[in-house]
Each structure stands twice: as C-alpha cells, then as structure tokens.
Amino acid sequence: MDDEYTDADALELLQKLKTEVFDDSNAELALAMGRPVSEIDAWFSGDEEIDEDAEMKIHGLAQERLGEE
C-alpha cells in the first residue's frame, strides 16, 4: 500500500466529501476537519497547500464517511 498521497488526491477527496457528505458546505467540512473555514477556502482556491496532518484527516474522513481510502 502506498502511503504517499498527492495534493491533487487529497483535494479530489476533499471535494468529494464536501459534495457528497457535507451538503457542498465549506463551513460543515471545516467543522469536521477541525480547521477554520478560511483554510478550507484557501485549499480549494489553491492559495495554500494541504498539510500532511490535514491529508491524513481527509483520508480518514473519506474512509469513514465514503467507505474509501
């Protein structure tokens, strides 16, 4: 199993979580991630890179909520 994820993979999963689980809401997604909405907005706009801790959280949420790794 490859533990290396790219920002694109994490962003794709983040978008899928946002649309399929969190009613397309950055605010609800931010709450689940334990991050400020401004950081979620910055990830989607490309102004900030997703850090390693956030990537792990994204993949954990996807596994839990979407049944994906």
N, C-alpha and C. Protein backbone atom coordinates (compact mmCIF):
# COMPACT_ATOMS: atom_id res chain seq x y z
N MET A 1 0.85 -1.19 0.00
CA MET A 1 0.00 0.00 0.00
C MET A 1 0.89 1.25 0.00
N ASP A 2 0.55 2.17 -0.83
CA ASP A 2 1.32 3.40 -0.96
C ASP A 2 0.77 4.45 0.00
N ASP A 3 1.61 4.91 0.92
CA ASP A 3 1.16 5.90 1.89
C ASP A 3 1.40 7.33 1.42
N GLU A 4 1.94 7.47 0.22
CA GLU A 4 2.20 8.81 -0.31
C GLU A 4 0.99 9.29 -1.10
N TYR A 5 0.44 10.40 -0.68
CA TYR A 5 -0.71 10.99 -1.37
C TYR A 5 -0.27 12.32 -1.95
N THR A 6 -0.81 12.66 -3.08
CA THR A 6 -0.50 13.96 -3.66
C THR A 6 -1.55 14.97 -3.20
N ASP A 7 -1.21 16.24 -3.32
CA ASP A 7 -2.19 17.29 -3.00
C ASP A 7 -3.43 17.14 -3.87
N ALA A 8 -3.23 16.73 -5.12
CA ALA A 8 -4.37 16.56 -6.03
C ALA A 8 -5.30 15.46 -5.52
N ASP A 9 -4.73 14.35 -5.03
CA ASP A 9 -5.55 13.27 -4.48
C ASP A 9 -6.35 13.77 -3.27
N ALA A 10 -5.67 14.47 -2.38
CA ALA A 10 -6.32 14.98 -1.17
C ALA A 10 -7.40 15.99 -1.53
N LEU A 11 -7.11 16.86 -2.48
CA LEU A 11 -8.09 17.86 -2.89
C LEU A 11 -9.30 17.22 -3.55
N GLU A 12 -9.06 16.19 -4.35
CA GLU A 12 -10.16 15.47 -5.00
C GLU A 12 -11.05 14.81 -3.95
N LEU A 13 -10.45 14.17 -2.95
CA LEU A 13 -11.23 13.55 -1.88
C LEU A 13 -11.96 14.61 -1.06
N LEU A 14 -11.30 15.72 -0.82
CA LEU A 14 -11.92 16.82 -0.07
C LEU A 14 -13.16 17.32 -0.80
N GLN A 15 -13.05 17.48 -2.10
CA GLN A 15 -14.19 17.93 -2.91
C GLN A 15 -15.32 16.91 -2.87
N LYS A 16 -14.96 15.63 -2.95
CA LYS A 16 -15.96 14.57 -2.91
C LYS A 16 -16.67 14.56 -1.55
N LEU A 17 -15.90 14.69 -0.48
CA LEU A 17 -16.50 14.77 0.86
C LEU A 17 -17.44 15.96 0.95
N LYS A 18 -16.97 17.10 0.47
CA LYS A 18 -17.77 18.33 0.53
C LYS A 18 -19.11 18.15 -0.18
N THR A 19 -19.08 17.59 -1.39
CA THR A 19 -20.31 17.49 -2.16
C THR A 19 -21.21 16.34 -1.71
N GLU A 20 -20.61 15.21 -1.35
CA GLU A 20 -21.43 14.02 -1.05
C GLU A 20 -21.83 13.90 0.41
N VAL A 21 -21.07 14.49 1.31
CA VAL A 21 -21.32 14.30 2.74
C VAL A 21 -21.73 15.60 3.44
N PHE A 22 -21.16 16.72 3.04
CA PHE A 22 -21.33 17.97 3.78
C PHE A 22 -22.16 19.00 3.02
N ASP A 23 -23.10 18.55 2.20
CA ASP A 23 -24.05 19.43 1.52
C ASP A 23 -23.39 20.59 0.79
N ASP A 24 -22.20 20.32 0.23
CA ASP A 24 -21.46 21.33 -0.54
C ASP A 24 -21.11 22.55 0.30
N SER A 25 -20.93 22.33 1.60
CA SER A 25 -20.67 23.44 2.53
C SER A 25 -19.23 23.42 3.05
N ASN A 26 -18.48 24.48 2.76
CA ASN A 26 -17.14 24.60 3.31
C ASN A 26 -17.18 24.71 4.83
N ALA A 27 -18.21 25.34 5.37
CA ALA A 27 -18.33 25.51 6.81
C ALA A 27 -18.50 24.17 7.52
N GLU A 28 -19.37 23.31 6.99
CA GLU A 28 -19.58 22.00 7.59
C GLU A 28 -18.32 21.14 7.44
N LEU A 29 -17.67 21.23 6.31
CA LEU A 29 -16.43 20.50 6.07
C LEU A 29 -15.34 20.97 7.03
N ALA A 30 -15.23 22.26 7.22
CA ALA A 30 -14.24 22.82 8.13
C ALA A 30 -14.47 22.32 9.56
N LEU A 31 -15.72 22.27 9.97
CA LEU A 31 -16.05 21.79 11.31
C LEU A 31 -15.60 20.33 11.47
N ALA A 32 -15.87 19.51 10.48
CA ALA A 32 -15.48 18.10 10.54
C ALA A 32 -13.96 17.93 10.52
N MET A 33 -13.28 18.83 9.83
CA MET A 33 -11.83 18.77 9.72
C MET A 33 -11.14 19.40 10.94
N GLY A 34 -11.87 20.20 11.72
CA GLY A 34 -11.27 20.89 12.83
C GLY A 34 -10.36 22.02 12.37
N ARG A 35 -10.71 22.61 11.24
CA ARG A 35 -9.91 23.69 10.64
C ARG A 35 -10.81 24.89 10.40
N PRO A 36 -10.23 26.09 10.32
CA PRO A 36 -11.05 27.26 10.01
C PRO A 36 -11.55 27.23 8.56
N VAL A 37 -12.70 27.82 8.35
CA VAL A 37 -13.28 27.88 7.00
C VAL A 37 -12.30 28.55 6.03
N SER A 38 -11.60 29.56 6.51
CA SER A 38 -10.65 30.27 5.63
C SER A 38 -9.57 29.34 5.09
N GLU A 39 -9.17 28.36 5.89
CA GLU A 39 -8.16 27.40 5.43
C GLU A 39 -8.74 26.48 4.36
N ILE A 40 -9.96 26.03 4.56
CA ILE A 40 -10.64 25.19 3.56
C ILE A 40 -10.78 25.97 2.26
N ASP A 41 -11.21 27.22 2.36
CA ASP A 41 -11.33 28.09 1.17
C ASP A 41 -9.99 28.21 0.45
N ALA A 42 -8.92 28.39 1.22
CA ALA A 42 -7.58 28.55 0.63
C ALA A 42 -7.12 27.27 -0.08
N TRP A 43 -7.48 26.12 0.46
CA TRP A 43 -7.13 24.86 -0.21
C TRP A 43 -7.83 24.76 -1.55
N PHE A 44 -9.12 25.06 -1.56
CA PHE A 44 -9.88 24.96 -2.81
C PHE A 44 -9.44 26.00 -3.84
N SER A 45 -9.01 27.16 -3.39
CA SER A 45 -8.58 28.20 -4.33
C SER A 45 -7.14 28.00 -4.79
N GLY A 46 -6.42 27.11 -4.10
CA GLY A 46 -5.02 26.87 -4.46
C GLY A 46 -4.06 27.84 -3.80
N ASP A 47 -4.56 28.67 -2.88
CA ASP A 47 -3.71 29.64 -2.20
C ASP A 47 -2.83 28.99 -1.14
N GLU A 48 -3.27 27.83 -0.61
CA GLU A 48 -2.49 27.10 0.39
C GLU A 48 -2.44 25.63 0.01
N GLU A 49 -1.32 25.00 0.34
CA GLU A 49 -1.21 23.57 0.14
C GLU A 49 -1.80 22.86 1.35
N ILE A 50 -2.31 21.67 1.12
CA ILE A 50 -2.87 20.86 2.19
C ILE A 50 -1.70 20.21 2.94
N ASP A 51 -1.64 20.44 4.26
CA ASP A 51 -0.53 19.88 5.04
C ASP A 51 -0.74 18.39 5.31
N GLU A 52 0.32 17.75 5.76
CA GLU A 52 0.30 16.30 5.96
C GLU A 52 -0.76 15.87 6.97
N ASP A 53 -0.91 16.63 8.05
CA ASP A 53 -1.91 16.31 9.06
C ASP A 53 -3.32 16.36 8.47
N ALA A 54 -3.57 17.38 7.66
CA ALA A 54 -4.88 17.52 7.02
C ALA A 54 -5.11 16.39 6.01
N GLU A 55 -4.07 16.00 5.28
CA GLU A 55 -4.21 14.90 4.33
C GLU A 55 -4.64 13.62 5.05
N MET A 56 -4.03 13.36 6.19
CA MET A 56 -4.39 12.16 6.96
C MET A 56 -5.85 12.25 7.42
N LYS A 57 -6.27 13.43 7.85
CA LYS A 57 -7.65 13.63 8.30
C LYS A 57 -8.63 13.45 7.14
N ILE A 58 -8.28 13.98 5.97
CA ILE A 58 -9.13 13.86 4.79
C ILE A 58 -9.32 12.39 4.43
N HIS A 59 -8.22 11.65 4.40
CA HIS A 59 -8.31 10.23 4.04
C HIS A 59 -9.07 9.44 5.09
N GLY A 60 -8.91 9.80 6.36
CA GLY A 60 -9.67 9.15 7.43
C GLY A 60 -11.16 9.42 7.31
N LEU A 61 -11.51 10.68 7.05
CA LEU A 61 -12.93 11.03 6.85
C LEU A 61 -13.52 10.32 5.65
N ALA A 62 -12.74 10.25 4.57
CA ALA A 62 -13.23 9.59 3.36
C ALA A 62 -13.48 8.11 3.62
N GLN A 63 -12.58 7.50 4.36
CA GLN A 63 -12.74 6.09 4.68
C GLN A 63 -13.98 5.88 5.55
N GLU A 64 -14.16 6.75 6.52
CA GLU A 64 -15.28 6.65 7.45
C GLU A 64 -16.62 6.99 6.80
N ARG A 65 -16.65 8.08 6.04
CA ARG A 65 -17.92 8.59 5.51
C ARG A 65 -18.26 8.09 4.12
N LEU A 66 -17.24 7.76 3.34
CA LEU A 66 -17.47 7.34 1.95
C LEU A 66 -17.09 5.88 1.71
N GLY A 67 -16.46 5.26 2.69
CA GLY A 67 -16.00 3.89 2.51
C GLY A 67 -14.83 3.79 1.56
N GLU A 68 -14.02 4.87 1.49
CA GLU A 68 -12.87 4.90 0.59
C GLU A 68 -11.60 5.13 1.39
N GLU A 69 -10.49 4.81 0.74
CA GLU A 69 -9.19 5.09 1.36
C GLU A 69 -8.66 6.38 0.83
